[in-house]
Amino acid sequence: MVSLNLLRRQYSLCGGKENKVKIIGITGKSGSGKSTLTKLLAKEMKSDCIDIDQIGHEATYNKQIAKRLCEVWGQEILGNDGKIDRKKLGKIVFSNKEKMDILTDITWDYMQEKLDNVLQKHLQDTIILEWALLPISKYWEKCDIKILMKAEDEKRKIQVMQRDKISEEYFLIRDANSINYEIYEFDYIFDNNYKPEIMEKLISRIK
């Protein structure tokens, strides 16, 4: 395991320009506590953080992207407000890899442009990236520190069902689409028991 202070590698993010941005990547399954750790660590380090999943949410509200999604899956994925209903969309894509790949193909250019623009603005800063799919994205190799958050499946299920107001059935469908994490890829692996004092200890080990 490594200390943040020991990692000062330079990466080329956009246009091949060398920079001194220090990127911390935090990943883990839904409900594992990665968002909580990200926010607390960002506050402690006075750094910005990016929830990449939120950029994905924004992408579905883009008019052109929403139109393409409706062309593929029909008007039934719209909510009463006329916007993409992510729960309806999720029921379609989370249980089918091919459909998930289609969703990714439609939204990825938008997400990548947004994320690259943010990183370009933080060339001299520390920034934290959070995303369950981070290890299979191009941004994983740009991370100076790689952190995996873990938690017991039953506890994760309860957390997510309460947070997202979803059924157990929907959680299981969504969770089945999670990626597998290779232990050797990480600098830190933390087991979360959802106690505040544990988060404080995790942060003290990283900073």
N, C-alpha and C. Protein backbone atom coordinates (compact mmCIF):
# COMPACT_ATOMS: atom_id res chain seq x y z
N MET A 1 0.84 -1.18 0.00
CA MET A 1 0.00 0.00 0.00
C MET A 1 0.89 1.25 0.00
N VAL A 2 0.37 2.35 -0.56
CA VAL A 2 1.21 3.52 -0.74
C VAL A 2 0.58 4.74 -0.10
N SER A 3 1.39 5.72 0.17
CA SER A 3 0.94 6.98 0.75
C SER A 3 0.72 8.00 -0.34
N LEU A 4 -0.25 8.87 -0.15
CA LEU A 4 -0.53 9.92 -1.11
C LEU A 4 0.69 10.77 -1.35
N ASN A 5 1.45 11.04 -0.30
CA ASN A 5 2.61 11.91 -0.43
C ASN A 5 3.73 11.32 -1.27
N LEU A 6 3.67 10.02 -1.51
CA LEU A 6 4.71 9.37 -2.29
C LEU A 6 4.39 9.35 -3.78
N LEU A 7 3.15 9.69 -4.10
CA LEU A 7 2.73 9.59 -5.49
C LEU A 7 2.63 10.96 -6.11
N ARG A 8 3.52 11.23 -7.05
CA ARG A 8 3.53 12.52 -7.72
C ARG A 8 3.78 12.32 -9.21
N ARG A 9 3.23 11.25 -9.76
CA ARG A 9 3.44 10.94 -11.16
C ARG A 9 2.68 11.92 -12.03
N GLN A 10 3.21 12.16 -13.23
CA GLN A 10 2.55 13.06 -14.16
C GLN A 10 1.85 12.25 -15.24
N TYR A 11 0.68 12.74 -15.64
CA TYR A 11 -0.09 12.06 -16.65
C TYR A 11 -0.51 13.03 -17.73
N SER A 12 -0.66 12.54 -18.94
CA SER A 12 -1.18 13.33 -20.04
C SER A 12 -2.68 13.07 -20.13
N LEU A 13 -3.47 14.10 -19.88
CA LEU A 13 -4.92 13.94 -19.86
C LEU A 13 -5.55 14.34 -21.18
N CYS A 14 -5.29 15.54 -21.62
CA CYS A 14 -5.93 16.05 -22.83
C CYS A 14 -4.88 16.74 -23.69
N GLY A 15 -4.81 16.34 -24.92
CA GLY A 15 -3.90 16.99 -25.85
C GLY A 15 -2.45 16.65 -25.64
N GLY A 16 -2.15 15.68 -24.78
CA GLY A 16 -0.78 15.24 -24.61
C GLY A 16 0.07 16.14 -23.75
N LYS A 17 -0.52 17.14 -23.09
CA LYS A 17 0.25 18.06 -22.27
C LYS A 17 0.55 17.47 -20.91
N GLU A 18 1.83 17.55 -20.50
CA GLU A 18 2.20 17.03 -19.19
C GLU A 18 1.61 17.92 -18.08
N ASN A 19 1.18 17.35 -17.01
CA ASN A 19 0.58 18.13 -15.94
C ASN A 19 0.89 17.47 -14.61
N LYS A 20 0.53 18.16 -13.53
CA LYS A 20 0.83 17.66 -12.20
C LYS A 20 -0.42 17.29 -11.41
N VAL A 21 -1.48 17.07 -12.11
CA VAL A 21 -2.71 16.69 -11.42
C VAL A 21 -2.52 15.36 -10.72
N LYS A 22 -3.01 15.27 -9.49
CA LYS A 22 -2.95 14.03 -8.73
C LYS A 22 -4.37 13.50 -8.64
N ILE A 23 -4.59 12.36 -9.22
CA ILE A 23 -5.94 11.81 -9.31
C ILE A 23 -6.10 10.64 -8.35
N ILE A 24 -7.11 10.72 -7.51
CA ILE A 24 -7.47 9.62 -6.62
C ILE A 24 -8.73 8.98 -7.17
N GLY A 25 -8.68 7.70 -7.44
CA GLY A 25 -9.83 6.98 -7.97
C GLY A 25 -10.47 6.11 -6.89
N ILE A 26 -11.76 6.32 -6.65
CA ILE A 26 -12.49 5.53 -5.65
C ILE A 26 -13.61 4.77 -6.34
N THR A 27 -13.64 3.46 -6.12
CA THR A 27 -14.63 2.63 -6.78
C THR A 27 -15.19 1.59 -5.81
N GLY A 28 -16.18 0.87 -6.26
CA GLY A 28 -16.82 -0.14 -5.43
C GLY A 28 -18.27 -0.31 -5.86
N LYS A 29 -18.89 -1.35 -5.40
CA LYS A 29 -20.28 -1.60 -5.78
C LYS A 29 -21.22 -0.58 -5.14
N SER A 30 -22.41 -0.49 -5.69
CA SER A 30 -23.41 0.44 -5.18
C SER A 30 -23.69 0.16 -3.70
N GLY A 31 -23.67 1.23 -2.89
CA GLY A 31 -23.94 1.08 -1.47
C GLY A 31 -22.73 0.72 -0.63
N SER A 32 -21.55 0.67 -1.23
CA SER A 32 -20.36 0.27 -0.48
C SER A 32 -19.78 1.42 0.35
N GLY A 33 -20.22 2.64 0.08
CA GLY A 33 -19.72 3.78 0.85
C GLY A 33 -18.74 4.65 0.10
N LYS A 34 -18.59 4.44 -1.20
CA LYS A 34 -17.60 5.21 -1.95
C LYS A 34 -17.94 6.69 -2.04
N SER A 35 -19.24 7.02 -2.14
CA SER A 35 -19.63 8.43 -2.20
C SER A 35 -19.34 9.13 -0.88
N THR A 36 -19.61 8.45 0.23
CA THR A 36 -19.35 9.04 1.55
C THR A 36 -17.86 9.29 1.73
N LEU A 37 -17.04 8.30 1.39
CA LEU A 37 -15.59 8.46 1.51
C LEU A 37 -15.11 9.58 0.60
N THR A 38 -15.63 9.63 -0.62
CA THR A 38 -15.21 10.66 -1.57
C THR A 38 -15.47 12.05 -1.02
N LYS A 39 -16.67 12.29 -0.52
CA LYS A 39 -17.03 13.62 -0.01
C LYS A 39 -16.21 14.01 1.21
N LEU A 40 -16.02 13.06 2.14
CA LEU A 40 -15.25 13.34 3.34
C LEU A 40 -13.78 13.59 3.00
N LEU A 41 -13.24 12.79 2.10
CA LEU A 41 -11.84 12.95 1.71
C LEU A 41 -11.63 14.27 0.96
N ALA A 42 -12.58 14.62 0.09
CA ALA A 42 -12.48 15.88 -0.65
C ALA A 42 -12.50 17.07 0.31
N LYS A 43 -13.34 16.99 1.33
CA LYS A 43 -13.42 18.06 2.33
C LYS A 43 -12.12 18.16 3.12
N GLU A 44 -11.59 17.00 3.52
CA GLU A 44 -10.36 16.97 4.31
C GLU A 44 -9.18 17.49 3.52
N MET A 45 -9.12 17.16 2.22
CA MET A 45 -7.99 17.55 1.39
C MET A 45 -8.22 18.86 0.66
N LYS A 46 -9.41 19.43 0.84
CA LYS A 46 -9.79 20.67 0.16
C LYS A 46 -9.63 20.52 -1.35
N SER A 47 -10.13 19.42 -1.86
CA SER A 47 -10.02 19.12 -3.29
C SER A 47 -11.41 18.92 -3.89
N ASP A 48 -11.48 18.99 -5.19
CA ASP A 48 -12.74 18.75 -5.89
C ASP A 48 -12.93 17.25 -6.12
N CYS A 49 -14.18 16.86 -6.27
CA CYS A 49 -14.47 15.46 -6.56
C CYS A 49 -15.51 15.39 -7.68
N ILE A 50 -15.46 14.30 -8.42
CA ILE A 50 -16.38 14.12 -9.54
C ILE A 50 -17.07 12.77 -9.39
N ASP A 51 -18.39 12.82 -9.31
CA ASP A 51 -19.21 11.61 -9.33
C ASP A 51 -19.53 11.33 -10.80
N ILE A 52 -18.81 10.41 -11.41
CA ILE A 52 -18.97 10.17 -12.84
C ILE A 52 -20.35 9.62 -13.16
N ASP A 53 -20.94 8.92 -12.22
CA ASP A 53 -22.28 8.40 -12.45
C ASP A 53 -23.29 9.54 -12.63
N GLN A 54 -23.05 10.66 -11.93
CA GLN A 54 -23.93 11.81 -12.08
C GLN A 54 -23.81 12.43 -13.47
N ILE A 55 -22.61 12.36 -14.04
CA ILE A 55 -22.45 12.84 -15.42
C ILE A 55 -23.25 11.95 -16.36
N GLY A 56 -23.29 10.65 -16.05
CA GLY A 56 -24.11 9.73 -16.83
C GLY A 56 -25.58 10.07 -16.73
N HIS A 57 -26.02 10.49 -15.54
CA HIS A 57 -27.40 10.91 -15.34
C HIS A 57 -27.70 12.15 -16.18
N GLU A 58 -26.76 13.10 -16.15
CA GLU A 58 -26.93 14.32 -16.94
C GLU A 58 -27.05 14.01 -18.42
N ALA A 59 -26.29 13.02 -18.85
CA ALA A 59 -26.30 12.67 -20.28
C ALA A 59 -27.69 12.28 -20.75
N THR A 60 -28.45 11.57 -19.91
CA THR A 60 -29.78 11.11 -20.34
C THR A 60 -30.77 12.26 -20.42
N TYR A 61 -30.44 13.41 -19.83
CA TYR A 61 -31.31 14.58 -19.91
C TYR A 61 -30.97 15.47 -21.09
N ASN A 62 -29.84 15.17 -21.75
CA ASN A 62 -29.50 15.89 -22.98
C ASN A 62 -30.54 15.56 -24.05
N LYS A 63 -31.07 16.57 -24.71
CA LYS A 63 -32.18 16.37 -25.64
C LYS A 63 -31.84 15.42 -26.77
N GLN A 64 -30.65 15.57 -27.33
CA GLN A 64 -30.24 14.71 -28.45
C GLN A 64 -30.08 13.26 -27.99
N ILE A 65 -29.48 13.09 -26.82
CA ILE A 65 -29.28 11.74 -26.29
C ILE A 65 -30.63 11.11 -25.92
N ALA A 66 -31.49 11.90 -25.28
CA ALA A 66 -32.82 11.40 -24.91
C ALA A 66 -33.59 10.95 -26.15
N LYS A 67 -33.47 11.72 -27.23
CA LYS A 67 -34.15 11.37 -28.48
C LYS A 67 -33.63 10.04 -29.02
N ARG A 68 -32.31 9.84 -28.97
CA ARG A 68 -31.72 8.59 -29.46
C ARG A 68 -32.15 7.40 -28.59
N LEU A 69 -32.23 7.63 -27.29
CA LEU A 69 -32.66 6.56 -26.39
C LEU A 69 -34.10 6.15 -26.68
N CYS A 70 -34.94 7.14 -26.94
CA CYS A 70 -36.35 6.85 -27.26
C CYS A 70 -36.48 6.15 -28.61
N GLU A 71 -35.59 6.46 -29.53
CA GLU A 71 -35.60 5.78 -30.83
C GLU A 71 -35.28 4.30 -30.67
N VAL A 72 -34.44 4.00 -29.67
CA VAL A 72 -34.04 2.61 -29.44
C VAL A 72 -35.08 1.86 -28.61
N TRP A 73 -35.56 2.48 -27.51
CA TRP A 73 -36.41 1.76 -26.57
C TRP A 73 -37.83 2.31 -26.44
N GLY A 74 -38.16 3.31 -27.22
CA GLY A 74 -39.54 3.78 -27.24
C GLY A 74 -39.88 4.79 -26.15
N GLN A 75 -41.08 5.34 -26.24
CA GLN A 75 -41.54 6.38 -25.33
C GLN A 75 -41.79 5.85 -23.91
N GLU A 76 -41.82 4.52 -23.75
CA GLU A 76 -42.12 3.97 -22.42
C GLU A 76 -41.02 4.23 -21.40
N ILE A 77 -39.85 4.70 -21.85
CA ILE A 77 -38.78 5.01 -20.91
C ILE A 77 -38.89 6.43 -20.38
N LEU A 78 -39.93 7.17 -20.82
CA LEU A 78 -40.12 8.54 -20.35
C LEU A 78 -40.99 8.55 -19.10
N GLY A 79 -40.73 9.53 -18.24
CA GLY A 79 -41.55 9.72 -17.05
C GLY A 79 -42.69 10.67 -17.35
N ASN A 80 -43.47 10.98 -16.34
CA ASN A 80 -44.60 11.89 -16.52
C ASN A 80 -44.18 13.29 -16.92
N ASP A 81 -42.92 13.65 -16.62
CA ASP A 81 -42.40 14.98 -16.96
C ASP A 81 -41.84 15.03 -18.38
N GLY A 82 -41.90 13.91 -19.09
CA GLY A 82 -41.39 13.88 -20.46
C GLY A 82 -39.90 13.64 -20.57
N LYS A 83 -39.23 13.47 -19.42
CA LYS A 83 -37.79 13.20 -19.40
C LYS A 83 -37.53 11.71 -19.20
N ILE A 84 -36.31 11.30 -19.50
CA ILE A 84 -35.95 9.89 -19.31
C ILE A 84 -36.12 9.50 -17.85
N ASP A 85 -36.86 8.44 -17.61
CA ASP A 85 -37.02 7.88 -16.26
C ASP A 85 -35.93 6.82 -16.10
N ARG A 86 -34.94 7.11 -15.27
CA ARG A 86 -33.78 6.22 -15.17
C ARG A 86 -34.14 4.86 -14.59
N LYS A 87 -35.17 4.78 -13.76
CA LYS A 87 -35.57 3.49 -13.23
C LYS A 87 -36.18 2.63 -14.33
N LYS A 88 -36.98 3.25 -15.19
CA LYS A 88 -37.56 2.52 -16.31
C LYS A 88 -36.46 2.08 -17.27
N LEU A 89 -35.52 2.98 -17.52
CA LEU A 89 -34.39 2.65 -18.40
C LEU A 89 -33.54 1.56 -17.78
N GLY A 90 -33.33 1.65 -16.46
CA GLY A 90 -32.51 0.67 -15.76
C GLY A 90 -33.07 -0.74 -15.84
N LYS A 91 -34.39 -0.86 -15.76
CA LYS A 91 -35.00 -2.19 -15.84
C LYS A 91 -34.74 -2.84 -17.20
N ILE A 92 -34.52 -2.01 -18.20
CA ILE A 92 -34.24 -2.54 -19.54
C ILE A 92 -32.78 -2.93 -19.70
N VAL A 93 -31.88 -2.06 -19.25
CA VAL A 93 -30.46 -2.26 -19.56
C VAL A 93 -29.68 -3.06 -18.54
N PHE A 94 -30.08 -3.02 -17.27
CA PHE A 94 -29.27 -3.68 -16.24
C PHE A 94 -29.29 -5.20 -16.34
N SER A 95 -30.29 -5.74 -16.95
CA SER A 95 -30.38 -7.20 -17.05
C SER A 95 -29.90 -7.74 -18.39
N ASN A 96 -29.35 -6.87 -19.21
CA ASN A 96 -28.94 -7.28 -20.55
C ASN A 96 -27.68 -6.54 -20.96
N LYS A 97 -26.55 -7.25 -21.06
CA LYS A 97 -25.27 -6.61 -21.35
C LYS A 97 -25.28 -5.89 -22.70
N GLU A 98 -25.91 -6.51 -23.70
CA GLU A 98 -25.95 -5.88 -25.02
C GLU A 98 -26.67 -4.54 -24.97
N LYS A 99 -27.76 -4.49 -24.22
CA LYS A 99 -28.50 -3.23 -24.09
C LYS A 99 -27.72 -2.21 -23.28
N MET A 100 -26.99 -2.68 -22.27
CA MET A 100 -26.14 -1.77 -21.51
C MET A 100 -25.04 -1.19 -22.40
N ASP A 101 -24.50 -2.02 -23.28
CA ASP A 101 -23.48 -1.54 -24.22
C ASP A 101 -24.05 -0.49 -25.15
N ILE A 102 -25.29 -0.66 -25.56
CA ILE A 102 -25.95 0.33 -26.42
C ILE A 102 -26.08 1.66 -25.67
N LEU A 103 -26.52 1.58 -24.41
CA LEU A 103 -26.64 2.79 -23.60
C LEU A 103 -25.30 3.49 -23.47
N THR A 104 -24.25 2.72 -23.23
CA THR A 104 -22.91 3.29 -23.10
C THR A 104 -22.47 3.96 -24.39
N ASP A 105 -22.73 3.30 -25.51
CA ASP A 105 -22.34 3.87 -26.81
C ASP A 105 -23.03 5.21 -27.05
N ILE A 106 -24.26 5.33 -26.60
CA ILE A 106 -25.03 6.55 -26.83
C ILE A 106 -24.59 7.68 -25.91
N THR A 107 -24.23 7.36 -24.66
CA THR A 107 -23.94 8.39 -23.67
C THR A 107 -22.45 8.69 -23.47
N TRP A 108 -21.58 7.79 -23.89
CA TRP A 108 -20.17 7.90 -23.49
C TRP A 108 -19.48 9.14 -24.03
N ASP A 109 -19.72 9.53 -25.28
CA ASP A 109 -19.05 10.72 -25.83
C ASP A 109 -19.36 11.96 -24.99
N TYR A 110 -20.62 12.10 -24.61
CA TYR A 110 -21.03 13.23 -23.77
C TYR A 110 -20.30 13.17 -22.43
N MET A 111 -20.29 12.00 -21.79
CA MET A 111 -19.66 11.86 -20.48
C MET A 111 -18.16 12.13 -20.55
N GLN A 112 -17.53 11.60 -21.58
CA GLN A 112 -16.09 11.76 -21.74
C GLN A 112 -15.71 13.23 -21.96
N GLU A 113 -16.47 13.92 -22.78
CA GLU A 113 -16.19 15.34 -23.02
C GLU A 113 -16.31 16.15 -21.74
N LYS A 114 -17.39 15.89 -20.99
CA LYS A 114 -17.59 16.59 -19.73
C LYS A 114 -16.44 16.35 -18.75
N LEU A 115 -16.06 15.08 -18.62
CA LEU A 115 -15.02 14.71 -17.66
C LEU A 115 -13.67 15.25 -18.08
N ASP A 116 -13.35 15.16 -19.35
CA ASP A 116 -12.07 15.69 -19.84
C ASP A 116 -11.97 17.19 -19.61
N ASN A 117 -13.08 17.90 -19.80
CA ASN A 117 -13.08 19.35 -19.59
C ASN A 117 -12.81 19.69 -18.13
N VAL A 118 -13.40 18.93 -17.22
CA VAL A 118 -13.18 19.17 -15.80
C VAL A 118 -11.73 18.90 -15.43
N LEU A 119 -11.19 17.79 -15.91
CA LEU A 119 -9.80 17.44 -15.60
C LEU A 119 -8.84 18.47 -16.18
N GLN A 120 -9.16 19.00 -17.33
CA GLN A 120 -8.30 19.99 -17.98
C GLN A 120 -8.21 21.26 -17.13
N LYS A 121 -9.28 21.55 -16.40
CA LYS A 121 -9.31 22.75 -15.56
C LYS A 121 -8.58 22.56 -14.23
N HIS A 122 -8.19 21.32 -13.93
CA HIS A 122 -7.56 21.03 -12.65
C HIS A 122 -6.15 20.47 -12.84
N LEU A 123 -5.42 21.04 -13.78
CA LEU A 123 -4.11 20.48 -14.13
C LEU A 123 -3.10 20.55 -12.98
N GLN A 124 -3.30 21.45 -12.05
CA GLN A 124 -2.34 21.57 -10.95
C GLN A 124 -2.95 21.16 -9.61
N ASP A 125 -4.11 20.54 -9.65
CA ASP A 125 -4.83 20.23 -8.42
C ASP A 125 -4.94 18.73 -8.17
N THR A 126 -5.27 18.40 -6.92
CA THR A 126 -5.69 17.04 -6.60
C THR A 126 -7.18 16.94 -6.85
N ILE A 127 -7.61 15.87 -7.48
CA ILE A 127 -9.02 15.69 -7.78
C ILE A 127 -9.40 14.23 -7.53
N ILE A 128 -10.60 13.99 -7.08
CA ILE A 128 -11.06 12.64 -6.74
C ILE A 128 -12.13 12.22 -7.73
N LEU A 129 -11.94 11.06 -8.35
CA LEU A 129 -12.92 10.49 -9.26
C LEU A 129 -13.63 9.34 -8.56
N GLU A 130 -14.95 9.32 -8.67
CA GLU A 130 -15.73 8.25 -8.05
C GLU A 130 -16.66 7.63 -9.08
N TRP A 131 -16.57 6.31 -9.20
CA TRP A 131 -17.45 5.63 -10.16
C TRP A 131 -17.31 4.12 -9.98
N ALA A 132 -18.42 3.42 -9.99
CA ALA A 132 -18.39 1.96 -9.87
C ALA A 132 -17.69 1.31 -11.06
N LEU A 133 -17.76 1.97 -12.22
CA LEU A 133 -17.17 1.41 -13.44
C LEU A 133 -15.80 2.00 -13.77
N LEU A 134 -15.23 2.75 -12.84
CA LEU A 134 -13.95 3.42 -13.08
C LEU A 134 -12.85 2.48 -13.57
N PRO A 135 -12.72 1.25 -12.99
CA PRO A 135 -11.62 0.36 -13.42
C PRO A 135 -11.69 -0.10 -14.87
N ILE A 136 -12.84 0.02 -15.52
CA ILE A 136 -12.92 -0.40 -16.92
C ILE A 136 -13.02 0.81 -17.85
N SER A 137 -12.69 1.98 -17.33
CA SER A 137 -12.67 3.19 -18.15
C SER A 137 -11.23 3.59 -18.44
N LYS A 138 -11.07 4.51 -19.37
CA LYS A 138 -9.73 4.98 -19.72
C LYS A 138 -9.10 5.80 -18.59
N TYR A 139 -9.92 6.24 -17.64
CA TYR A 139 -9.42 7.10 -16.57
C TYR A 139 -8.74 6.33 -15.45
N TRP A 140 -8.92 5.03 -15.44
CA TRP A 140 -8.35 4.22 -14.36
C TRP A 140 -6.83 4.30 -14.33
N GLU A 141 -6.21 4.23 -15.49
CA GLU A 141 -4.75 4.26 -15.55
C GLU A 141 -4.20 5.65 -15.25
N LYS A 142 -5.05 6.65 -15.22
CA LYS A 142 -4.61 8.00 -14.90
C LYS A 142 -4.62 8.24 -13.39
N CYS A 143 -5.18 7.31 -12.64
CA CYS A 143 -5.29 7.49 -11.18
C CYS A 143 -3.96 7.22 -10.49
N ASP A 144 -3.55 8.16 -9.65
CA ASP A 144 -2.33 7.99 -8.85
C ASP A 144 -2.57 7.05 -7.68
N ILE A 145 -3.75 7.13 -7.11
CA ILE A 145 -4.13 6.26 -6.00
C ILE A 145 -5.45 5.61 -6.35
N LYS A 146 -5.54 4.30 -6.15
CA LYS A 146 -6.73 3.53 -6.50
C LYS A 146 -7.29 2.87 -5.24
N ILE A 147 -8.55 3.19 -4.95
CA ILE A 147 -9.17 2.75 -3.71
C ILE A 147 -10.43 1.94 -4.00
N LEU A 148 -10.55 0.79 -3.35
CA LEU A 148 -11.75 -0.04 -3.46
C LEU A 148 -12.50 -0.02 -2.14
N MET A 149 -13.77 0.34 -2.19
CA MET A 149 -14.63 0.27 -1.02
C MET A 149 -15.46 -1.01 -1.10
N LYS A 150 -15.51 -1.75 0.01
CA LYS A 150 -16.27 -2.99 0.07
C LYS A 150 -17.24 -2.94 1.26
N ALA A 151 -18.30 -3.70 1.15
CA ALA A 151 -19.25 -3.83 2.26
C ALA A 151 -20.03 -5.12 2.07
N GLU A 152 -20.58 -5.62 3.16
CA GLU A 152 -21.37 -6.85 3.06
C GLU A 152 -22.58 -6.63 2.16
N ASP A 153 -22.90 -7.64 1.36
CA ASP A 153 -23.97 -7.50 0.37
C ASP A 153 -25.31 -7.13 1.00
N GLU A 154 -25.63 -7.75 2.12
CA GLU A 154 -26.91 -7.47 2.76
C GLU A 154 -26.99 -6.03 3.25
N LYS A 155 -25.90 -5.54 3.80
CA LYS A 155 -25.87 -4.16 4.26
C LYS A 155 -25.94 -3.19 3.08
N ARG A 156 -25.25 -3.54 2.01
CA ARG A 156 -25.31 -2.70 0.80
C ARG A 156 -26.74 -2.64 0.27
N LYS A 157 -27.39 -3.78 0.26
CA LYS A 157 -28.76 -3.84 -0.26
C LYS A 157 -29.69 -2.92 0.53
N ILE A 158 -29.59 -2.98 1.84
CA ILE A 158 -30.44 -2.14 2.69
C ILE A 158 -30.14 -0.67 2.44
N GLN A 159 -28.85 -0.34 2.37
CA GLN A 159 -28.45 1.05 2.13
C GLN A 159 -29.03 1.58 0.82
N VAL A 160 -28.87 0.81 -0.24
CA VAL A 160 -29.29 1.26 -1.58
C VAL A 160 -30.81 1.33 -1.69
N MET A 161 -31.50 0.34 -1.14
CA MET A 161 -32.96 0.35 -1.21
C MET A 161 -33.54 1.57 -0.51
N GLN A 162 -32.97 1.93 0.64
CA GLN A 162 -33.44 3.10 1.36
C GLN A 162 -33.04 4.39 0.65
N ARG A 163 -31.81 4.44 0.16
CA ARG A 163 -31.30 5.66 -0.49
C ARG A 163 -32.02 5.97 -1.80
N ASP A 164 -32.16 4.94 -2.64
CA ASP A 164 -32.72 5.14 -3.98
C ASP A 164 -34.22 4.86 -4.06
N LYS A 165 -34.79 4.41 -2.92
CA LYS A 165 -36.22 4.09 -2.88
C LYS A 165 -36.60 3.09 -3.99
N ILE A 166 -35.87 1.98 -3.98
CA ILE A 166 -36.11 0.94 -4.98
C ILE A 166 -36.45 -0.37 -4.28
N SER A 167 -37.01 -1.30 -5.04
CA SER A 167 -37.38 -2.60 -4.49
C SER A 167 -36.16 -3.50 -4.42
N GLU A 168 -36.29 -4.58 -3.67
CA GLU A 168 -35.21 -5.56 -3.60
C GLU A 168 -34.97 -6.17 -4.97
N GLU A 169 -36.03 -6.42 -5.72
CA GLU A 169 -35.91 -7.00 -7.05
C GLU A 169 -35.07 -6.10 -7.97
N TYR A 170 -35.37 -4.80 -7.92
CA TYR A 170 -34.63 -3.86 -8.78
C TYR A 170 -33.17 -3.78 -8.35
N PHE A 171 -32.94 -3.79 -7.04
CA PHE A 171 -31.56 -3.76 -6.55
C PHE A 171 -30.78 -4.96 -7.08
N LEU A 172 -31.38 -6.15 -6.98
CA LEU A 172 -30.69 -7.37 -7.40
C LEU A 172 -30.39 -7.36 -8.90
N ILE A 173 -31.32 -6.83 -9.69
CA ILE A 173 -31.10 -6.73 -11.13
C ILE A 173 -29.93 -5.80 -11.41
N ARG A 174 -29.94 -4.66 -10.74
CA ARG A 174 -28.88 -3.67 -10.94
C ARG A 174 -27.53 -4.18 -10.44
N ASP A 175 -27.56 -4.85 -9.28
CA ASP A 175 -26.32 -5.33 -8.68
C ASP A 175 -25.69 -6.45 -9.49
N ALA A 176 -26.54 -7.22 -10.17
CA ALA A 176 -26.02 -8.32 -10.99
C ALA A 176 -25.18 -7.81 -12.15
N ASN A 177 -25.37 -6.53 -12.48
CA ASN A 177 -24.63 -5.94 -13.59
C ASN A 177 -23.30 -5.33 -13.15
N SER A 178 -22.99 -5.46 -11.84
CA SER A 178 -21.74 -4.89 -11.33
C SER A 178 -20.54 -5.62 -11.92
N ILE A 179 -19.44 -4.89 -12.01
CA ILE A 179 -18.21 -5.51 -12.51
C ILE A 179 -17.48 -6.21 -11.36
N ASN A 180 -16.57 -7.08 -11.70
CA ASN A 180 -15.71 -7.73 -10.71
C ASN A 180 -14.44 -6.91 -10.54
N TYR A 181 -14.00 -6.76 -9.31
CA TYR A 181 -12.81 -5.96 -9.03
C TYR A 181 -11.63 -6.87 -8.74
N GLU A 182 -10.51 -6.61 -9.42
CA GLU A 182 -9.29 -7.38 -9.22
C GLU A 182 -8.50 -6.75 -8.07
N ILE A 183 -8.30 -7.52 -7.01
CA ILE A 183 -7.68 -7.01 -5.79
C ILE A 183 -6.31 -6.38 -6.05
N TYR A 184 -5.53 -6.98 -6.94
CA TYR A 184 -4.16 -6.51 -7.17
C TYR A 184 -4.11 -5.12 -7.80
N GLU A 185 -5.22 -4.62 -8.29
CA GLU A 185 -5.23 -3.31 -8.96
C GLU A 185 -5.26 -2.15 -7.99
N PHE A 186 -5.45 -2.41 -6.68
CA PHE A 186 -5.73 -1.32 -5.76
C PHE A 186 -4.58 -1.05 -4.79
N ASP A 187 -4.45 0.24 -4.44
CA ASP A 187 -3.49 0.65 -3.42
C ASP A 187 -4.09 0.50 -2.03
N TYR A 188 -5.40 0.72 -1.94
CA TYR A 188 -6.11 0.56 -0.67
C TYR A 188 -7.40 -0.20 -0.91
N ILE A 189 -7.72 -1.11 0.01
CA ILE A 189 -9.00 -1.81 -0.01
C ILE A 189 -9.59 -1.67 1.39
N PHE A 190 -10.77 -1.07 1.46
CA PHE A 190 -11.39 -0.80 2.75
C PHE A 190 -12.71 -1.52 2.88
N ASP A 191 -12.92 -2.19 4.03
CA ASP A 191 -14.20 -2.80 4.36
C ASP A 191 -15.01 -1.81 5.19
N ASN A 192 -16.17 -1.47 4.71
CA ASN A 192 -16.99 -0.44 5.35
C ASN A 192 -18.06 -1.08 6.22
N ASN A 193 -18.13 -0.66 7.48
CA ASN A 193 -19.19 -1.14 8.37
C ASN A 193 -20.20 -0.04 8.69
N TYR A 194 -20.08 1.08 7.95
CA TYR A 194 -21.03 2.21 8.03
C TYR A 194 -21.00 2.95 9.37
N LYS A 195 -19.88 2.86 10.09
CA LYS A 195 -19.72 3.61 11.32
C LYS A 195 -18.84 4.83 11.04
N PRO A 196 -19.25 6.03 11.48
CA PRO A 196 -18.50 7.25 11.18
C PRO A 196 -17.03 7.18 11.56
N GLU A 197 -16.74 6.57 12.70
CA GLU A 197 -15.35 6.53 13.15
C GLU A 197 -14.46 5.72 12.21
N ILE A 198 -15.06 4.74 11.52
CA ILE A 198 -14.30 3.94 10.56
C ILE A 198 -13.91 4.81 9.36
N MET A 199 -14.83 5.63 8.89
CA MET A 199 -14.53 6.53 7.79
C MET A 199 -13.39 7.48 8.16
N GLU A 200 -13.39 7.98 9.38
CA GLU A 200 -12.34 8.87 9.84
C GLU A 200 -10.98 8.17 9.81
N LYS A 201 -10.96 6.90 10.20
CA LYS A 201 -9.72 6.14 10.18
C LYS A 201 -9.24 5.91 8.75
N LEU A 202 -10.18 5.66 7.85
CA LEU A 202 -9.82 5.45 6.44
C LEU A 202 -9.18 6.69 5.87
N ILE A 203 -9.77 7.84 6.17
CA ILE A 203 -9.26 9.09 5.65
C ILE A 203 -7.87 9.38 6.19
N SER A 204 -7.65 9.08 7.47
CA SER A 204 -6.33 9.33 8.09
C SER A 204 -5.26 8.46 7.45
N ARG A 205 -5.62 7.32 6.93
CA ARG A 205 -4.65 6.43 6.27
C ARG A 205 -4.28 6.92 4.88
N ILE A 206 -5.22 7.60 4.24
CA ILE A 206 -4.99 8.03 2.86
C ILE A 206 -4.27 9.35 2.75
N LYS A 207 -4.70 10.32 3.55
CA LYS A 207 -4.21 11.70 3.34
C LYS A 207 -2.73 11.85 3.73
